[in-house]
Amino acid sequence: MKKLSLVLLFAPIVAFCQSQKDYERTFTRFVEFYNKKQADSIAHMWFGEDGIESMWNSELVAKLHTDYGKLQSYSYLGIDKEDPNSGLAVFKTKFSKAGWKTTSFTIESNGSLGTFRFITSSDGIDKLLKEEKQKGKK
């Protein structure tokens, strides 16, 4: 009975945790929508957030394609533990025009996007990039 109580106690906490697979699946959807210039599909990734449709519109996506190009590849770097947004996943992203950048985002408990930074950098992200580089040398 004690084991069941512990499971029930921690179930809500576990339900809010996101795995690497969750972040990868979400970012794969974003990349697909972005590369197809489907601004409305991108906007719907926020599930009813006010103002997102006006922010993620066709004009913005067209401008991002002009400035950065298509997203050619990406890889999960990890969670930026130094960022005040808990669970901020960081991806190393390669754009056809702008080259290598980093993108970060959170996923809300309902599965929608939360914080989203198309192009970003920080001390925490620099540490993740350094760790990745060191792993590559081994």
N, C-alpha and C. Protein backbone atom coordinates (compact mmCIF):
# COMPACT_ATOMS: atom_id res chain seq x y z
N MET A 1 0.82 -1.20 0.00
CA MET A 1 0.00 0.00 0.00
C MET A 1 0.87 1.27 0.00
N LYS A 2 2.01 1.20 0.72
CA LYS A 2 2.90 2.36 0.76
C LYS A 2 3.47 2.66 -0.63
N LYS A 3 3.79 1.61 -1.38
CA LYS A 3 4.32 1.81 -2.73
C LYS A 3 3.30 2.48 -3.62
N LEU A 4 2.04 2.07 -3.50
CA LEU A 4 0.98 2.68 -4.29
C LEU A 4 0.82 4.15 -3.92
N SER A 5 0.91 4.46 -2.64
CA SER A 5 0.81 5.84 -2.18
C SER A 5 1.92 6.70 -2.77
N LEU A 6 3.14 6.15 -2.80
CA LEU A 6 4.27 6.88 -3.38
C LEU A 6 4.08 7.12 -4.87
N VAL A 7 3.59 6.11 -5.56
CA VAL A 7 3.34 6.25 -6.99
C VAL A 7 2.29 7.34 -7.23
N LEU A 8 1.22 7.33 -6.47
CA LEU A 8 0.18 8.34 -6.62
C LEU A 8 0.68 9.72 -6.24
N LEU A 9 1.58 9.80 -5.28
CA LEU A 9 2.13 11.08 -4.86
C LEU A 9 2.99 11.70 -5.96
N PHE A 10 3.81 10.88 -6.62
CA PHE A 10 4.73 11.40 -7.62
C PHE A 10 4.16 11.42 -9.04
N ALA A 11 3.03 10.81 -9.26
CA ALA A 11 2.44 10.76 -10.61
C ALA A 11 2.22 12.15 -11.21
N PRO A 12 1.67 13.11 -10.47
CA PRO A 12 1.50 14.43 -11.07
C PRO A 12 2.82 15.10 -11.45
N ILE A 13 3.85 14.87 -10.66
CA ILE A 13 5.15 15.46 -10.96
C ILE A 13 5.72 14.85 -12.23
N VAL A 14 5.64 13.54 -12.34
CA VAL A 14 6.15 12.85 -13.52
C VAL A 14 5.37 13.26 -14.76
N ALA A 15 4.09 13.48 -14.62
CA ALA A 15 3.25 13.86 -15.76
C ALA A 15 3.69 15.19 -16.37
N PHE A 16 4.27 16.08 -15.56
CA PHE A 16 4.69 17.39 -16.06
C PHE A 16 6.12 17.37 -16.60
N CYS A 17 6.87 16.32 -16.36
CA CYS A 17 8.24 16.21 -16.86
C CYS A 17 8.20 15.88 -18.34
N GLN A 18 9.10 16.49 -19.08
CA GLN A 18 9.19 16.22 -20.50
C GLN A 18 10.47 15.45 -20.76
N SER A 19 10.42 14.52 -21.67
CA SER A 19 11.60 13.74 -22.02
C SER A 19 12.24 14.31 -23.28
N GLN A 20 13.45 13.87 -23.56
CA GLN A 20 14.13 14.27 -24.77
C GLN A 20 13.27 13.93 -25.99
N LYS A 21 12.64 12.77 -25.98
CA LYS A 21 11.78 12.35 -27.10
C LYS A 21 10.62 13.32 -27.30
N ASP A 22 10.04 13.82 -26.18
CA ASP A 22 8.94 14.80 -26.28
C ASP A 22 9.41 16.07 -26.98
N TYR A 23 10.59 16.55 -26.58
CA TYR A 23 11.14 17.76 -27.20
C TYR A 23 11.47 17.52 -28.67
N GLU A 24 12.06 16.38 -28.97
CA GLU A 24 12.41 16.08 -30.36
C GLU A 24 11.17 15.96 -31.24
N ARG A 25 10.15 15.31 -30.72
CA ARG A 25 8.89 15.15 -31.47
C ARG A 25 8.27 16.53 -31.74
N THR A 26 8.25 17.38 -30.73
CA THR A 26 7.67 18.72 -30.89
C THR A 26 8.47 19.54 -31.88
N PHE A 27 9.80 19.48 -31.77
CA PHE A 27 10.62 20.29 -32.68
C PHE A 27 10.54 19.77 -34.11
N THR A 28 10.42 18.47 -34.28
CA THR A 28 10.25 17.90 -35.61
C THR A 28 8.99 18.46 -36.27
N ARG A 29 7.91 18.56 -35.50
CA ARG A 29 6.67 19.15 -36.03
C ARG A 29 6.90 20.61 -36.42
N PHE A 30 7.57 21.38 -35.53
CA PHE A 30 7.84 22.78 -35.83
C PHE A 30 8.64 22.90 -37.13
N VAL A 31 9.71 22.11 -37.27
CA VAL A 31 10.56 22.18 -38.45
C VAL A 31 9.76 21.86 -39.72
N GLU A 32 8.91 20.86 -39.64
CA GLU A 32 8.08 20.50 -40.79
C GLU A 32 7.19 21.68 -41.19
N PHE A 33 6.52 22.27 -40.22
CA PHE A 33 5.63 23.42 -40.50
C PHE A 33 6.44 24.62 -41.00
N TYR A 34 7.58 24.88 -40.36
CA TYR A 34 8.41 26.01 -40.75
C TYR A 34 8.90 25.86 -42.19
N ASN A 35 9.45 24.71 -42.52
CA ASN A 35 10.00 24.51 -43.87
C ASN A 35 8.92 24.54 -44.95
N LYS A 36 7.69 24.20 -44.59
CA LYS A 36 6.58 24.28 -45.54
C LYS A 36 5.89 25.65 -45.50
N LYS A 37 6.41 26.55 -44.66
CA LYS A 37 5.88 27.91 -44.49
C LYS A 37 4.42 27.90 -44.04
N GLN A 38 4.08 26.98 -43.15
CA GLN A 38 2.72 26.84 -42.63
C GLN A 38 2.59 27.60 -41.30
N ALA A 39 2.47 28.91 -41.41
CA ALA A 39 2.41 29.77 -40.22
C ALA A 39 1.23 29.42 -39.32
N ASP A 40 0.09 29.10 -39.92
CA ASP A 40 -1.09 28.77 -39.11
C ASP A 40 -0.86 27.50 -38.29
N SER A 41 -0.17 26.52 -38.85
CA SER A 41 0.13 25.30 -38.11
C SER A 41 1.11 25.57 -36.97
N ILE A 42 2.09 26.44 -37.23
CA ILE A 42 3.02 26.83 -36.17
C ILE A 42 2.25 27.50 -35.04
N ALA A 43 1.38 28.44 -35.38
CA ALA A 43 0.61 29.17 -34.37
C ALA A 43 -0.23 28.23 -33.51
N HIS A 44 -0.76 27.18 -34.12
CA HIS A 44 -1.60 26.24 -33.37
C HIS A 44 -0.80 25.37 -32.40
N MET A 45 0.50 25.40 -32.49
CA MET A 45 1.32 24.64 -31.54
C MET A 45 1.26 25.24 -30.14
N TRP A 46 0.69 26.45 -30.02
CA TRP A 46 0.53 27.11 -28.71
C TRP A 46 -0.86 26.90 -28.12
N PHE A 47 -1.74 26.17 -28.74
CA PHE A 47 -3.08 25.85 -28.23
C PHE A 47 -3.80 27.03 -27.58
N GLY A 48 -4.25 27.96 -28.39
CA GLY A 48 -5.13 29.00 -27.89
C GLY A 48 -4.47 30.18 -27.22
N GLU A 49 -3.16 30.33 -27.31
CA GLU A 49 -2.50 31.50 -26.74
C GLU A 49 -2.96 32.74 -27.49
N ASP A 50 -3.39 33.74 -26.77
CA ASP A 50 -3.81 34.99 -27.40
C ASP A 50 -2.62 35.67 -28.08
N GLY A 51 -2.84 36.12 -29.29
CA GLY A 51 -1.83 36.88 -30.01
C GLY A 51 -0.82 36.04 -30.80
N ILE A 52 -0.80 34.75 -30.61
CA ILE A 52 0.18 33.92 -31.32
C ILE A 52 -0.10 33.93 -32.82
N GLU A 53 -1.38 33.86 -33.22
CA GLU A 53 -1.71 33.87 -34.64
C GLU A 53 -1.20 35.14 -35.31
N SER A 54 -1.31 36.27 -34.61
CA SER A 54 -0.84 37.51 -35.21
C SER A 54 0.68 37.57 -35.23
N MET A 55 1.33 36.87 -34.29
CA MET A 55 2.79 36.87 -34.27
C MET A 55 3.34 35.90 -35.32
N TRP A 56 2.88 34.65 -35.31
CA TRP A 56 3.34 33.66 -36.27
C TRP A 56 2.43 33.71 -37.49
N ASN A 57 2.67 34.68 -38.35
CA ASN A 57 1.86 34.84 -39.55
C ASN A 57 2.71 34.56 -40.79
N SER A 58 2.09 34.54 -41.93
CA SER A 58 2.78 34.23 -43.19
C SER A 58 3.92 35.19 -43.49
N GLU A 59 3.72 36.47 -43.17
CA GLU A 59 4.76 37.46 -43.43
C GLU A 59 6.01 37.19 -42.60
N LEU A 60 5.82 36.86 -41.32
CA LEU A 60 6.96 36.57 -40.45
C LEU A 60 7.71 35.34 -40.95
N VAL A 61 6.99 34.28 -41.25
CA VAL A 61 7.64 33.05 -41.70
C VAL A 61 8.38 33.29 -43.02
N ALA A 62 7.81 34.07 -43.92
CA ALA A 62 8.48 34.40 -45.18
C ALA A 62 9.77 35.19 -44.91
N LYS A 63 9.71 36.12 -43.98
CA LYS A 63 10.90 36.92 -43.62
C LYS A 63 11.97 36.04 -42.99
N LEU A 64 11.56 35.12 -42.11
CA LEU A 64 12.53 34.20 -41.49
C LEU A 64 13.21 33.33 -42.55
N HIS A 65 12.45 32.91 -43.56
CA HIS A 65 13.03 32.13 -44.64
C HIS A 65 14.00 32.97 -45.46
N THR A 66 13.66 34.25 -45.67
CA THR A 66 14.55 35.15 -46.40
C THR A 66 15.85 35.37 -45.62
N ASP A 67 15.73 35.59 -44.32
CA ASP A 67 16.90 35.90 -43.49
C ASP A 67 17.73 34.67 -43.12
N TYR A 68 17.08 33.57 -42.77
CA TYR A 68 17.77 32.40 -42.25
C TYR A 68 17.76 31.20 -43.20
N GLY A 69 16.72 31.08 -44.01
CA GLY A 69 16.58 29.95 -44.91
C GLY A 69 15.82 28.82 -44.26
N LYS A 70 15.82 27.69 -44.92
CA LYS A 70 15.15 26.49 -44.39
C LYS A 70 15.98 25.89 -43.27
N LEU A 71 15.30 25.17 -42.40
CA LEU A 71 15.98 24.42 -41.35
C LEU A 71 16.43 23.10 -41.96
N GLN A 72 17.73 22.93 -42.08
CA GLN A 72 18.28 21.75 -42.75
C GLN A 72 18.53 20.58 -41.80
N SER A 73 18.95 20.89 -40.59
CA SER A 73 19.20 19.83 -39.62
C SER A 73 19.14 20.41 -38.21
N TYR A 74 19.00 19.52 -37.25
CA TYR A 74 18.93 19.94 -35.86
C TYR A 74 19.27 18.77 -34.96
N SER A 75 19.77 19.10 -33.78
CA SER A 75 20.05 18.06 -32.80
C SER A 75 19.81 18.61 -31.39
N TYR A 76 19.31 17.74 -30.56
CA TYR A 76 19.01 18.07 -29.16
C TYR A 76 20.32 18.22 -28.39
N LEU A 77 20.50 19.37 -27.74
CA LEU A 77 21.70 19.58 -26.92
C LEU A 77 21.45 19.26 -25.46
N GLY A 78 20.24 19.55 -24.96
CA GLY A 78 19.93 19.32 -23.56
C GLY A 78 19.06 20.43 -23.01
N ILE A 79 18.97 20.46 -21.69
CA ILE A 79 18.17 21.45 -20.98
C ILE A 79 19.10 22.54 -20.46
N ASP A 80 18.75 23.78 -20.71
CA ASP A 80 19.52 24.91 -20.19
C ASP A 80 19.14 25.10 -18.73
N LYS A 81 19.93 24.55 -17.85
CA LYS A 81 19.65 24.58 -16.42
C LYS A 81 19.85 25.96 -15.80
N GLU A 82 20.52 26.85 -16.51
CA GLU A 82 20.76 28.20 -16.00
C GLU A 82 19.63 29.18 -16.36
N ASP A 83 18.76 28.78 -17.26
CA ASP A 83 17.67 29.65 -17.69
C ASP A 83 16.57 29.66 -16.64
N PRO A 84 15.95 30.81 -16.40
CA PRO A 84 14.86 30.87 -15.42
C PRO A 84 13.61 30.09 -15.84
N ASN A 85 13.47 29.78 -17.12
CA ASN A 85 12.35 28.97 -17.60
C ASN A 85 12.71 27.50 -17.43
N SER A 86 12.11 26.88 -16.46
CA SER A 86 12.38 25.48 -16.16
C SER A 86 12.04 24.59 -17.35
N GLY A 87 12.94 23.67 -17.68
CA GLY A 87 12.68 22.74 -18.77
C GLY A 87 12.92 23.31 -20.14
N LEU A 88 13.76 24.32 -20.25
CA LEU A 88 14.04 24.95 -21.55
C LEU A 88 15.00 24.07 -22.35
N ALA A 89 14.47 23.40 -23.37
CA ALA A 89 15.27 22.52 -24.21
C ALA A 89 15.98 23.34 -25.27
N VAL A 90 17.22 22.94 -25.58
CA VAL A 90 18.03 23.65 -26.55
C VAL A 90 18.38 22.71 -27.70
N PHE A 91 18.20 23.21 -28.90
CA PHE A 91 18.55 22.47 -30.11
C PHE A 91 19.59 23.25 -30.90
N LYS A 92 20.58 22.53 -31.39
CA LYS A 92 21.54 23.09 -32.33
C LYS A 92 20.87 22.98 -33.70
N THR A 93 20.75 24.10 -34.41
CA THR A 93 19.99 24.13 -35.65
C THR A 93 20.87 24.64 -36.79
N LYS A 94 20.72 24.04 -37.96
CA LYS A 94 21.46 24.49 -39.14
C LYS A 94 20.47 25.02 -40.17
N PHE A 95 20.64 26.28 -40.52
CA PHE A 95 19.80 26.94 -41.51
C PHE A 95 20.54 27.03 -42.83
N SER A 96 19.81 26.97 -43.94
CA SER A 96 20.43 26.99 -45.27
C SER A 96 21.16 28.29 -45.56
N LYS A 97 20.73 29.41 -44.99
CA LYS A 97 21.38 30.70 -45.24
C LYS A 97 22.23 31.16 -44.06
N ALA A 98 21.75 30.99 -42.86
CA ALA A 98 22.41 31.55 -41.68
C ALA A 98 23.40 30.59 -41.01
N GLY A 99 23.41 29.35 -41.44
CA GLY A 99 24.34 28.39 -40.84
C GLY A 99 23.85 27.91 -39.48
N TRP A 100 24.81 27.59 -38.61
CA TRP A 100 24.49 27.01 -37.29
C TRP A 100 24.04 28.07 -36.30
N LYS A 101 22.94 27.78 -35.62
CA LYS A 101 22.36 28.64 -34.58
C LYS A 101 21.87 27.73 -33.46
N THR A 102 21.21 28.30 -32.48
CA THR A 102 20.52 27.51 -31.46
C THR A 102 19.10 28.02 -31.31
N THR A 103 18.20 27.10 -31.05
CA THR A 103 16.78 27.37 -30.83
C THR A 103 16.40 26.71 -29.51
N SER A 104 15.55 27.37 -28.73
CA SER A 104 15.14 26.77 -27.45
C SER A 104 13.65 26.97 -27.21
N PHE A 105 13.08 26.06 -26.41
CA PHE A 105 11.66 26.16 -26.10
C PHE A 105 11.31 25.29 -24.91
N THR A 106 10.15 25.58 -24.34
CA THR A 106 9.59 24.73 -23.29
C THR A 106 8.30 24.11 -23.82
N ILE A 107 7.89 23.03 -23.18
CA ILE A 107 6.61 22.40 -23.49
C ILE A 107 5.75 22.49 -22.23
N GLU A 108 4.53 22.97 -22.39
CA GLU A 108 3.60 23.08 -21.27
C GLU A 108 3.03 21.71 -20.90
N SER A 109 2.40 21.64 -19.76
CA SER A 109 1.84 20.37 -19.29
C SER A 109 0.77 19.82 -20.23
N ASN A 110 0.11 20.69 -21.02
CA ASN A 110 -0.91 20.23 -21.96
C ASN A 110 -0.31 19.85 -23.32
N GLY A 111 1.02 19.91 -23.44
CA GLY A 111 1.68 19.52 -24.67
C GLY A 111 1.93 20.66 -25.64
N SER A 112 1.45 21.84 -25.33
CA SER A 112 1.65 22.98 -26.23
C SER A 112 3.01 23.63 -25.97
N LEU A 113 3.43 24.45 -26.93
CA LEU A 113 4.66 25.20 -26.73
C LEU A 113 4.46 26.27 -25.68
N GLY A 114 5.49 26.54 -24.94
CA GLY A 114 5.48 27.63 -23.95
C GLY A 114 6.43 28.71 -24.44
N THR A 115 7.51 28.90 -23.71
CA THR A 115 8.56 29.82 -24.14
C THR A 115 9.16 29.29 -25.44
N PHE A 116 9.39 30.18 -26.41
CA PHE A 116 9.99 29.75 -27.67
C PHE A 116 10.95 30.84 -28.14
N ARG A 117 12.19 30.44 -28.38
CA ARG A 117 13.22 31.37 -28.85
C ARG A 117 13.81 30.80 -30.15
N PHE A 118 13.42 31.42 -31.25
CA PHE A 118 13.80 30.93 -32.58
C PHE A 118 15.32 30.90 -32.74
N ILE A 119 15.98 32.00 -32.42
CA ILE A 119 17.44 32.09 -32.42
C ILE A 119 17.82 32.63 -31.05
N THR A 120 18.69 31.93 -30.34
CA THR A 120 18.99 32.32 -28.97
C THR A 120 20.42 31.96 -28.59
N SER A 121 20.89 32.60 -27.55
CA SER A 121 22.18 32.23 -26.97
C SER A 121 22.18 32.66 -25.51
N SER A 122 23.01 32.02 -24.73
CA SER A 122 23.16 32.35 -23.31
C SER A 122 24.38 31.61 -22.79
N ASP A 123 24.77 31.92 -21.57
CA ASP A 123 25.89 31.21 -20.95
C ASP A 123 25.57 29.72 -20.82
N GLY A 124 24.33 29.40 -20.45
CA GLY A 124 23.92 28.00 -20.32
C GLY A 124 23.99 27.26 -21.65
N ILE A 125 23.59 27.93 -22.72
CA ILE A 125 23.65 27.32 -24.06
C ILE A 125 25.10 27.15 -24.48
N ASP A 126 25.95 28.15 -24.18
CA ASP A 126 27.37 28.02 -24.50
C ASP A 126 27.98 26.80 -23.81
N LYS A 127 27.57 26.54 -22.57
CA LYS A 127 28.06 25.36 -21.85
C LYS A 127 27.61 24.06 -22.53
N LEU A 128 26.35 24.03 -22.97
CA LEU A 128 25.85 22.85 -23.68
C LEU A 128 26.61 22.62 -24.98
N LEU A 129 26.91 23.69 -25.71
CA LEU A 129 27.67 23.56 -26.96
C LEU A 129 29.09 23.07 -26.68
N LYS A 130 29.69 23.58 -25.61
CA LYS A 130 31.04 23.15 -25.23
C LYS A 130 31.04 21.67 -24.84
N GLU A 131 30.04 21.24 -24.08
CA GLU A 131 29.92 19.83 -23.70
C GLU A 131 29.78 18.94 -24.94
N GLU A 132 28.96 19.40 -25.90
CA GLU A 132 28.77 18.63 -27.13
C GLU A 132 30.09 18.51 -27.89
N LYS A 133 30.83 19.60 -27.96
CA LYS A 133 32.11 19.59 -28.67
C LYS A 133 33.10 18.64 -28.00
N GLN A 134 33.12 18.64 -26.68
CA GLN A 134 34.02 17.76 -25.95
C GLN A 134 33.64 16.29 -26.15
N LYS A 135 32.36 15.99 -26.22
CA LYS A 135 31.90 14.62 -26.47
C LYS A 135 32.37 14.16 -27.86
N GLY A 136 32.35 15.08 -28.81
CA GLY A 136 32.75 14.75 -30.17
C GLY A 136 34.23 14.41 -30.29
N LYS A 137 35.04 14.94 -29.38
CA LYS A 137 36.49 14.69 -29.42
C LYS A 137 36.85 13.33 -28.82
N LYS A 138 35.94 12.75 -28.07
CA LYS A 138 36.23 11.47 -27.41
C LYS A 138 36.06 10.31 -28.33
